[in-house]
PDB file of N, CA and C in Angstrom:
ATOM      1  N   MET A   1     -16.830  23.620  -1.467  1.00  0.00           N
ATOM      2  CA  MET A   1     -16.843  22.186  -1.233  1.00  0.00           C
ATOM      3  C   MET A   1     -15.411  21.716  -1.009  1.00  0.00           C
ATOM      4  N   VAL A   2     -15.265  20.785  -0.101  1.00  0.00           N
ATOM      5  CA  VAL A   2     -13.972  20.193   0.228  1.00  0.00           C
ATOM      6  C   VAL A   2     -14.089  18.683   0.050  1.00  0.00           C
ATOM      7  N   LEU A   3     -13.027  18.082  -0.491  1.00  0.00           N
ATOM      8  CA  LEU A   3     -12.977  16.622  -0.621  1.00  0.00           C
ATOM      9  C   LEU A   3     -11.939  16.083   0.358  1.00  0.00           C
ATOM     10  N   ALA A   4     -12.303  15.001   1.009  1.00  0.00           N
ATOM     11  CA  ALA A   4     -11.379  14.316   1.914  1.00  0.00           C
ATOM     12  C   ALA A   4     -11.295  12.862   1.500  1.00  0.00           C
ATOM     13  N   GLU A   5     -10.084  12.343   1.456  1.00  0.00           N
ATOM     14  CA  GLU A   5      -9.888  10.916   1.205  1.00  0.00           C
ATOM     15  C   GLU A   5      -9.471  10.275   2.521  1.00  0.00           C
ATOM     16  N   VAL A   6     -10.218   9.272   2.932  1.00  0.00           N
ATOM     17  CA  VAL A   6      -9.936   8.556   4.175  1.00  0.00           C
ATOM     18  C   VAL A   6      -9.476   7.154   3.808  1.00  0.00           C
ATOM     19  N   ARG A   7      -8.341   6.781   4.336  1.00  0.00           N
ATOM     20  CA  ARG A   7      -7.765   5.450   4.079  1.00  0.00           C
ATOM     21  C   ARG A   7      -7.746   4.697   5.408  1.00  0.00           C
ATOM     22  N   ILE A   8      -8.425   3.556   5.435  1.00  0.00           N
ATOM     23  CA  ILE A   8      -8.534   2.777   6.668  1.00  0.00           C
ATOM     24  C   ILE A   8      -7.845   1.432   6.460  1.00  0.00           C
ATOM     25  N   GLU A   9      -6.877   1.163   7.329  1.00  0.00           N
ATOM     26  CA  GLU A   9      -6.084  -0.066   7.241  1.00  0.00           C
ATOM     27  C   GLU A   9      -6.159  -0.830   8.549  1.00  0.00           C
ATOM     28  N   LEU A  10      -5.962  -2.122   8.457  1.00  0.00           N
ATOM     29  CA  LEU A  10      -5.875  -2.931   9.667  1.00  0.00           C
ATOM     30  C   LEU A  10      -4.538  -2.678  10.355  1.00  0.00           C
ATOM     31  N   LYS A  11      -4.553  -2.665  11.675  1.00  0.00           N
ATOM     32  CA  LYS A  11      -3.315  -2.513  12.425  1.00  0.00           C
ATOM     33  C   LYS A  11      -2.439  -3.748  12.234  1.00  0.00           C
ATOM     34  N   LYS A  12      -1.147  -3.552  12.422  1.00  0.00           N
ATOM     35  CA  LYS A  12      -0.198  -4.648  12.320  1.00  0.00           C
ATOM     36  C   LYS A  12      -0.573  -5.743  13.311  1.00  0.00           C
ATOM     37  N   GLY A  13      -0.594  -6.979  12.844  1.00  0.00           N
ATOM     38  CA  GLY A  13      -0.918  -8.107  13.700  1.00  0.00           C
ATOM     39  C   GLY A  13      -2.376  -8.530  13.657  1.00  0.00           C
ATOM     40  N   VAL A  14      -3.238  -7.720  13.034  1.00  0.00           N
ATOM     41  CA  VAL A  14      -4.652  -8.075  12.912  1.00  0.00           C
ATOM     42  C   VAL A  14      -4.826  -8.920  11.650  1.00  0.00           C
ATOM     43  N   ALA A  15      -5.504 -10.032  11.778  1.00  0.00           N
ATOM     44  CA  ALA A  15      -5.700 -10.935  10.638  1.00  0.00           C
ATOM     45  C   ALA A  15      -6.466 -10.226   9.517  1.00  0.00           C
ATOM     46  N   ASP A  16      -6.047 -10.496   8.275  1.00  0.00           N
ATOM     47  CA  ASP A  16      -6.676  -9.913   7.095  1.00  0.00           C
ATOM     48  C   ASP A  16      -7.103 -11.054   6.163  1.00  0.00           C
ATOM     49  N   PRO A  17      -8.224 -11.712   6.453  1.00  0.00           N
ATOM     50  CA  PRO A  17      -8.632 -12.853   5.625  1.00  0.00           C
ATOM     51  C   PRO A  17      -8.910 -12.476   4.177  1.00  0.00           C
ATOM     52  N   GLU A  18      -9.401 -11.278   3.926  1.00  0.00           N
ATOM     53  CA  GLU A  18      -9.646 -10.858   2.545  1.00  0.00           C
ATOM     54  C   GLU A  18      -8.332 -10.761   1.768  1.00  0.00           C
ATOM     55  N   GLY A  19      -7.320 -10.185   2.389  1.00  0.00           N
ATOM     56  CA  GLY A  19      -6.008 -10.099   1.755  1.00  0.00           C
ATOM     57  C   GLY A  19      -5.401 -11.477   1.532  1.00  0.00           C
ATOM     58  N   ALA A  20      -5.523 -12.359   2.540  1.00  0.00           N
ATOM     59  CA  ALA A  20      -4.963 -13.713   2.425  1.00  0.00           C
ATOM     60  C   ALA A  20      -5.657 -14.499   1.311  1.00  0.00           C
ATOM     61  N   ASN A  21      -6.973 -14.391   1.211  1.00  0.00           N
ATOM     62  CA  ASN A  21      -7.697 -15.103   0.153  1.00  0.00           C
ATOM     63  C   ASN A  21      -7.349 -14.566  -1.229  1.00  0.00           C
ATOM     64  N   THR A  22      -7.155 -13.261  -1.320  1.00  0.00           N
ATOM     65  CA  THR A  22      -6.764 -12.673  -2.603  1.00  0.00           C
ATOM     66  C   THR A  22      -5.379 -13.155  -3.008  1.00  0.00           C
ATOM     67  N   ARG A  23      -4.468 -13.229  -2.052  1.00  0.00           N
ATOM     68  CA  ARG A  23      -3.121 -13.741  -2.344  1.00  0.00           C
ATOM     69  C   ARG A  23      -3.189 -15.179  -2.860  1.00  0.00           C
ATOM     70  N   LYS A  24      -3.993 -16.016  -2.207  1.00  0.00           N
ATOM     71  CA  LYS A  24      -4.144 -17.410  -2.655  1.00  0.00           C
ATOM     72  C   LYS A  24      -4.723 -17.467  -4.059  1.00  0.00           C
ATOM     73  N   ALA A  25      -5.721 -16.644  -4.331  1.00  0.00           N
ATOM     74  CA  ALA A  25      -6.338 -16.629  -5.662  1.00  0.00           C
ATOM     75  C   ALA A  25      -5.340 -16.190  -6.722  1.00  0.00           C
ATOM     76  N   LEU A  26      -4.517 -15.215  -6.410  1.00  0.00           N
ATOM     77  CA  LEU A  26      -3.497 -14.774  -7.367  1.00  0.00           C
ATOM     78  C   LEU A  26      -2.523 -15.907  -7.682  1.00  0.00           C
ATOM     79  N   GLU A  27      -2.114 -16.642  -6.649  1.00  0.00           N
ATOM     80  CA  GLU A  27      -1.219 -17.775  -6.865  1.00  0.00           C
ATOM     81  C   GLU A  27      -1.887 -18.847  -7.726  1.00  0.00           C
ATOM     82  N   LEU A  28      -3.161 -19.122  -7.464  1.00  0.00           N
ATOM     83  CA  LEU A  28      -3.890 -20.111  -8.267  1.00  0.00           C
ATOM     84  C   LEU A  28      -4.016 -19.691  -9.727  1.00  0.00           C
ATOM     85  N   LEU A  29      -4.026 -18.388  -9.960  1.00  0.00           N
ATOM     86  CA  LEU A  29      -4.102 -17.876 -11.330  1.00  0.00           C
ATOM     87  C   LEU A  29      -2.731 -17.805 -11.995  1.00  0.00           C
ATOM     88  N   GLY A  30      -1.695 -18.230 -11.273  1.00  0.00           N
ATOM     89  CA  GLY A  30      -0.363 -18.292 -11.861  1.00  0.00           C
ATOM     90  C   GLY A  30       0.528 -17.104 -11.569  1.00  0.00           C
ATOM     91  N   PHE A  31       0.099 -16.188 -10.736  1.00  0.00           N
ATOM     92  CA  PHE A  31       0.932 -15.050 -10.373  1.00  0.00           C
ATOM     93  C   PHE A  31       1.877 -15.487  -9.256  1.00  0.00           C
ATOM     94  N   LYS A  32       3.137 -15.661  -9.594  1.00  0.00           N
ATOM     95  CA  LYS A  32       4.134 -16.137  -8.633  1.00  0.00           C
ATOM     96  C   LYS A  32       4.842 -14.969  -7.954  1.00  0.00           C
ATOM     97  N   GLY A  33       5.370 -15.223  -6.787  1.00  0.00           N
ATOM     98  CA  GLY A  33       6.181 -14.245  -6.078  1.00  0.00           C
ATOM     99  C   GLY A  33       5.395 -13.166  -5.350  1.00  0.00           C
ATOM    100  N   VAL A  34       4.110 -13.384  -5.106  1.00  0.00           N
ATOM    101  CA  VAL A  34       3.328 -12.410  -4.340  1.00  0.00           C
ATOM    102  C   VAL A  34       3.555 -12.714  -2.863  1.00  0.00           C
ATOM    103  N   ASP A  35       4.261 -11.831  -2.174  1.00  0.00           N
ATOM    104  CA  ASP A  35       4.587 -12.037  -0.753  1.00  0.00           C
ATOM    105  C   ASP A  35       3.409 -11.781   0.165  1.00  0.00           C
ATOM    106  N   GLY A  36       2.541 -10.870  -0.214  1.00  0.00           N
ATOM    107  CA  GLY A  36       1.408 -10.556   0.642  1.00  0.00           C
ATOM    108  C   GLY A  36       0.460  -9.588  -0.031  1.00  0.00           C
ATOM    109  N   VAL A  37      -0.772  -9.621   0.404  1.00  0.00           N
ATOM    110  CA  VAL A  37      -1.803  -8.706  -0.078  1.00  0.00           C
ATOM    111  C   VAL A  37      -2.551  -8.186   1.145  1.00  0.00           C
ATOM    112  N   SER A  38      -2.754  -6.885   1.195  1.00  0.00           N
ATOM    113  CA  SER A  38      -3.489  -6.263   2.296  1.00  0.00           C
ATOM    114  C   SER A  38      -4.721  -5.554   1.753  1.00  0.00           C
ATOM    115  N   SER A  39      -5.809  -5.687   2.455  1.00  0.00           N
ATOM    116  CA  SER A  39      -7.009  -4.956   2.058  1.00  0.00           C
ATOM    117  C   SER A  39      -7.008  -3.595   2.750  1.00  0.00           C
ATOM    118  N   ILE A  40      -7.415  -2.593   1.996  1.00  0.00           N
ATOM    119  CA  ILE A  40      -7.497  -1.227   2.504  1.00  0.00           C
ATOM    120  C   ILE A  40      -8.818  -0.648   2.029  1.00  0.00           C
ATOM    121  N   ARG A  41      -9.533  -0.007   2.907  1.00  0.00           N
ATOM    122  CA  ARG A  41     -10.790   0.637   2.539  1.00  0.00           C
ATOM    123  C   ARG A  41     -10.521   2.129   2.361  1.00  0.00           C
ATOM    124  N   THR A  42     -11.026   2.674   1.262  1.00  0.00           N
ATOM    125  CA  THR A  42     -10.860   4.101   0.988  1.00  0.00           C
ATOM    126  C   THR A  42     -12.219   4.741   0.793  1.00  0.00           C
ATOM    127  N   TRP A  43     -12.399   5.878   1.427  1.00  0.00           N
ATOM    128  CA  TRP A  43     -13.629   6.652   1.299  1.00  0.00           C
ATOM    129  C   TRP A  43     -13.260   8.039   0.786  1.00  0.00           C
ATOM    130  N   VAL A  44     -14.020   8.545  -0.155  1.00  0.00           N
ATOM    131  CA  VAL A  44     -13.891   9.938  -0.578  1.00  0.00           C
ATOM    132  C   VAL A  44     -15.167  10.639  -0.112  1.00  0.00           C
ATOM    133  N   ILE A  45     -14.984  11.643   0.709  1.00  0.00           N
ATOM    134  CA  ILE A  45     -16.114  12.328   1.334  1.00  0.00           C
ATOM    135  C   ILE A  45     -16.134  13.781   0.860  1.00  0.00           C
ATOM    136  N   ARG A  46     -17.271  14.189   0.329  1.00  0.00           N
ATOM    137  CA  ARG A  46     -17.472  15.573  -0.096  1.00  0.00           C
ATOM    138  C   ARG A  46     -18.205  16.319   1.022  1.00  0.00           C
ATOM    139  N   LEU A  47     -17.634  17.439   1.420  1.00  0.00           N
ATOM    140  CA  LEU A  47     -18.226  18.227   2.490  1.00  0.00           C
ATOM    141  C   LEU A  47     -18.559  19.628   1.987  1.00  0.00           C
ATOM    142  N   ASP A  48     -19.706  20.111   2.393  1.00  0.00           N
ATOM    143  CA  ASP A  48     -20.096  21.481   2.103  1.00  0.00           C
ATOM    144  C   ASP A  48     -19.515  22.360   3.206  1.00  0.00           C
ATOM    145  N   GLU A  49     -18.218  22.579   3.124  1.00  0.00           N
ATOM    146  CA  GLU A  49     -17.484  23.317   4.160  1.00  0.00           C
ATOM    147  C   GLU A  49     -16.393  24.124   3.466  1.00  0.00           C
ATOM    148  N   LYS A  50     -16.249  25.376   3.836  1.00  0.00           N
ATOM    149  CA  LYS A  50     -15.237  26.226   3.211  1.00  0.00           C
ATOM    150  C   LYS A  50     -13.906  26.194   3.957  1.00  0.00           C
ATOM    151  N   ASP A  51     -13.959  25.961   5.244  1.00  0.00           N
ATOM    152  CA  ASP A  51     -12.752  25.972   6.071  1.00  0.00           C
ATOM    153  C   ASP A  51     -12.138  24.571   6.111  1.00  0.00           C
ATOM    154  N   PRO A  52     -10.941  24.398   5.533  1.00  0.00           N
ATOM    155  CA  PRO A  52     -10.313  23.063   5.506  1.00  0.00           C
ATOM    156  C   PRO A  52     -10.052  22.475   6.889  1.00  0.00           C
ATOM    157  N   LYS A  53      -9.738  23.319   7.876  1.00  0.00           N
ATOM    158  CA  LYS A  53      -9.484  22.810   9.230  1.00  0.00           C
ATOM    159  C   LYS A  53     -10.762  22.248   9.849  1.00  0.00           C
ATOM    160  N   LYS A  54     -11.866  22.948   9.654  1.00  0.00           N
ATOM    161  CA  LYS A  54     -13.150  22.451  10.157  1.00  0.00           C
ATOM    162  C   LYS A  54     -13.546  21.167   9.438  1.00  0.00           C
ATOM    163  N   ALA A  55     -13.293  21.134   8.127  1.00  0.00           N
ATOM    164  CA  ALA A  55     -13.628  19.936   7.352  1.00  0.00           C
ATOM    165  C   ALA A  55     -12.831  18.742   7.855  1.00  0.00           C
ATOM    166  N   ARG A  56     -11.527  18.935   8.085  1.00  0.00           N
ATOM    167  CA  ARG A  56     -10.683  17.837   8.583  1.00  0.00           C
ATOM    168  C   ARG A  56     -11.171  17.354   9.946  1.00  0.00           C
ATOM    169  N   ALA A  57     -11.541  18.285  10.813  1.00  0.00           N
ATOM    170  CA  ALA A  57     -12.037  17.913  12.142  1.00  0.00           C
ATOM    171  C   ALA A  57     -13.327  17.097  12.025  1.00  0.00           C
ATOM    172  N   ARG A  58     -14.201  17.482  11.107  1.00  0.00           N
ATOM    173  CA  ARG A  58     -15.450  16.737  10.916  1.00  0.00           C
ATOM    174  C   ARG A  58     -15.160  15.326  10.405  1.00  0.00           C
ATOM    175  N   VAL A  59     -14.238  15.210   9.461  1.00  0.00           N
ATOM    176  CA  VAL A  59     -13.906  13.892   8.919  1.00  0.00           C
ATOM    177  C   VAL A  59     -13.234  13.036   9.989  1.00  0.00           C
ATOM    178  N   ASP A  60     -12.383  13.640  10.808  1.00  0.00           N
ATOM    179  CA  ASP A  60     -11.756  12.901  11.900  1.00  0.00           C
ATOM    180  C   ASP A  60     -12.821  12.347  12.849  1.00  0.00           C
ATOM    181  N   GLU A  61     -13.814  13.151  13.155  1.00  0.00           N
ATOM    182  CA  GLU A  61     -14.900  12.676  14.017  1.00  0.00           C
ATOM    183  C   GLU A  61     -15.671  11.534  13.352  1.00  0.00           C
ATOM    184  N   MET A  62     -15.890  11.633  12.044  1.00  0.00           N
ATOM    185  CA  MET A  62     -16.561  10.554  11.300  1.00  0.00           C
ATOM    186  C   MET A  62     -15.774   9.252  11.432  1.00  0.00           C
ATOM    187  N   CYS A  63     -14.459   9.367  11.325  1.00  0.00           N
ATOM    188  CA  CYS A  63     -13.610   8.176  11.435  1.00  0.00           C
ATOM    189  C   CYS A  63     -13.702   7.566  12.829  1.00  0.00           C
ATOM    190  N   ARG A  64     -13.633   8.416  13.836  1.00  0.00           N
ATOM    191  CA  ARG A  64     -13.676   7.922  15.214  1.00  0.00           C
ATOM    192  C   ARG A  64     -15.024   7.328  15.583  1.00  0.00           C
ATOM    193  N   ARG A  65     -16.111   7.893  15.031  1.00  0.00           N
ATOM    194  CA  ARG A  65     -17.447   7.460  15.440  1.00  0.00           C
ATOM    195  C   ARG A  65     -18.053   6.367  14.573  1.00  0.00           C
ATOM    196  N   LEU A  66     -17.609   6.250  13.301  1.00  0.00           N
ATOM    197  CA  LEU A  66     -18.269   5.288  12.416  1.00  0.00           C
ATOM    198  C   LEU A  66     -17.330   4.523  11.498  1.00  0.00           C
ATOM    199  N   LEU A  67     -16.440   5.216  10.809  1.00  0.00           N
ATOM    200  CA  LEU A  67     -15.709   4.589   9.706  1.00  0.00           C
ATOM    201  C   LEU A  67     -14.622   3.615  10.142  1.00  0.00           C
ATOM    202  N   SER A  68     -14.086   3.789  11.334  1.00  0.00           N
ATOM    203  CA  SER A  68     -13.014   2.897  11.782  1.00  0.00           C
ATOM    204  C   SER A  68     -13.296   2.377  13.185  1.00  0.00           C
ATOM    205  N   ASN A  69     -12.652   1.276  13.493  1.00  0.00           N
ATOM    206  CA  ASN A  69     -12.697   0.690  14.833  1.00  0.00           C
ATOM    207  C   ASN A  69     -11.304   0.885  15.424  1.00  0.00           C
ATOM    208  N   PRO A  70     -11.152   1.707  16.459  1.00  0.00           N
ATOM    209  CA  PRO A  70      -9.821   2.019  16.978  1.00  0.00           C
ATOM    210  C   PRO A  70      -9.056   0.814  17.520  1.00  0.00           C
ATOM    211  N   VAL A  71      -9.740  -0.253  17.795  1.00  0.00           N
ATOM    212  CA  VAL A  71      -9.067  -1.455  18.299  1.00  0.00           C
ATOM    213  C   VAL A  71      -8.282  -2.140  17.181  1.00  0.00           C
ATOM    214  N   ILE A  72      -8.814  -2.136  15.961  1.00  0.00           N
ATOM    215  CA  ILE A  72      -8.175  -2.895  14.871  1.00  0.00           C
ATOM    216  C   ILE A  72      -7.744  -2.049  13.673  1.00  0.00           C
ATOM    217  N   HIS A  73      -8.135  -0.774  13.621  1.00  0.00           N
ATOM    218  CA  HIS A  73      -7.840   0.049  12.447  1.00  0.00           C
ATOM    219  C   HIS A  73      -6.946   1.247  12.759  1.00  0.00           C
ATOM    220  N   ASN A  74      -6.170   1.619  11.759  1.00  0.00           N
ATOM    221  CA  ASN A  74      -5.520   2.922  11.687  1.00  0.00           C
ATOM    222  C   ASN A  74      -6.179   3.655  10.533  1.00  0.00           C
ATOM    223  N   TYR A  75      -6.248   4.966  10.615  1.00  0.00           N
ATOM    224  CA  TYR A  75      -6.799   5.709   9.485  1.00  0.00           C
ATOM    225  C   TYR A  75      -5.938   6.938   9.199  1.00  0.00           C
ATOM    226  N   LYS A  76      -6.000   7.355   7.941  1.00  0.00           N
ATOM    227  CA  LYS A  76      -5.268   8.517   7.477  1.00  0.00           C
ATOM    228  C   LYS A  76      -6.218   9.375   6.673  1.00  0.00           C
ATOM    229  N   ILE A  77      -6.221  10.658   6.932  1.00  0.00           N
ATOM    230  CA  ILE A  77      -7.090  11.594   6.228  1.00  0.00           C
ATOM    231  C   ILE A  77      -6.211  12.483   5.354  1.00  0.00           C
ATOM    232  N   GLU A  78      -6.590  12.596   4.094  1.00  0.00           N
ATOM    233  CA  GLU A  78      -5.912  13.503   3.183  1.00  0.00           C
ATOM    234  C   GLU A  78      -6.959  14.398   2.540  1.00  0.00           C
ATOM    235  N   MET A  79      -6.763  15.682   2.660  1.00  0.00           N
ATOM    236  CA  MET A  79      -7.670  16.627   2.027  1.00  0.00           C
ATOM    237  C   MET A  79      -7.219  16.776   0.566  1.00  0.00           C
ATOM    238  N   ILE A  80      -8.166  16.565  -0.348  1.00  0.00           N
ATOM    239  CA  ILE A  80      -7.815  16.606  -1.775  1.00  0.00           C
ATOM    240  C   ILE A  80      -8.607  17.673  -2.506  1.00  0.00           C
TER     241      ILE A  80
END
């Protein structure tokens, strides 16, 4: 079994309303000096695969076909 951690972030310049709302909420709760908050989605995927290169290729395909939108997202795969 192989584990892959996929981290999906919005590209620079893409609006992040979830991050902006969280920043506002933190300020309302009295947390001062928060310059910014960004939302990041993380997936941990377990694969029944012995070859790490094949596993990475499968996860990359998952990212391209379902987990991310190439217009607004960047993604990073880490085998763990």
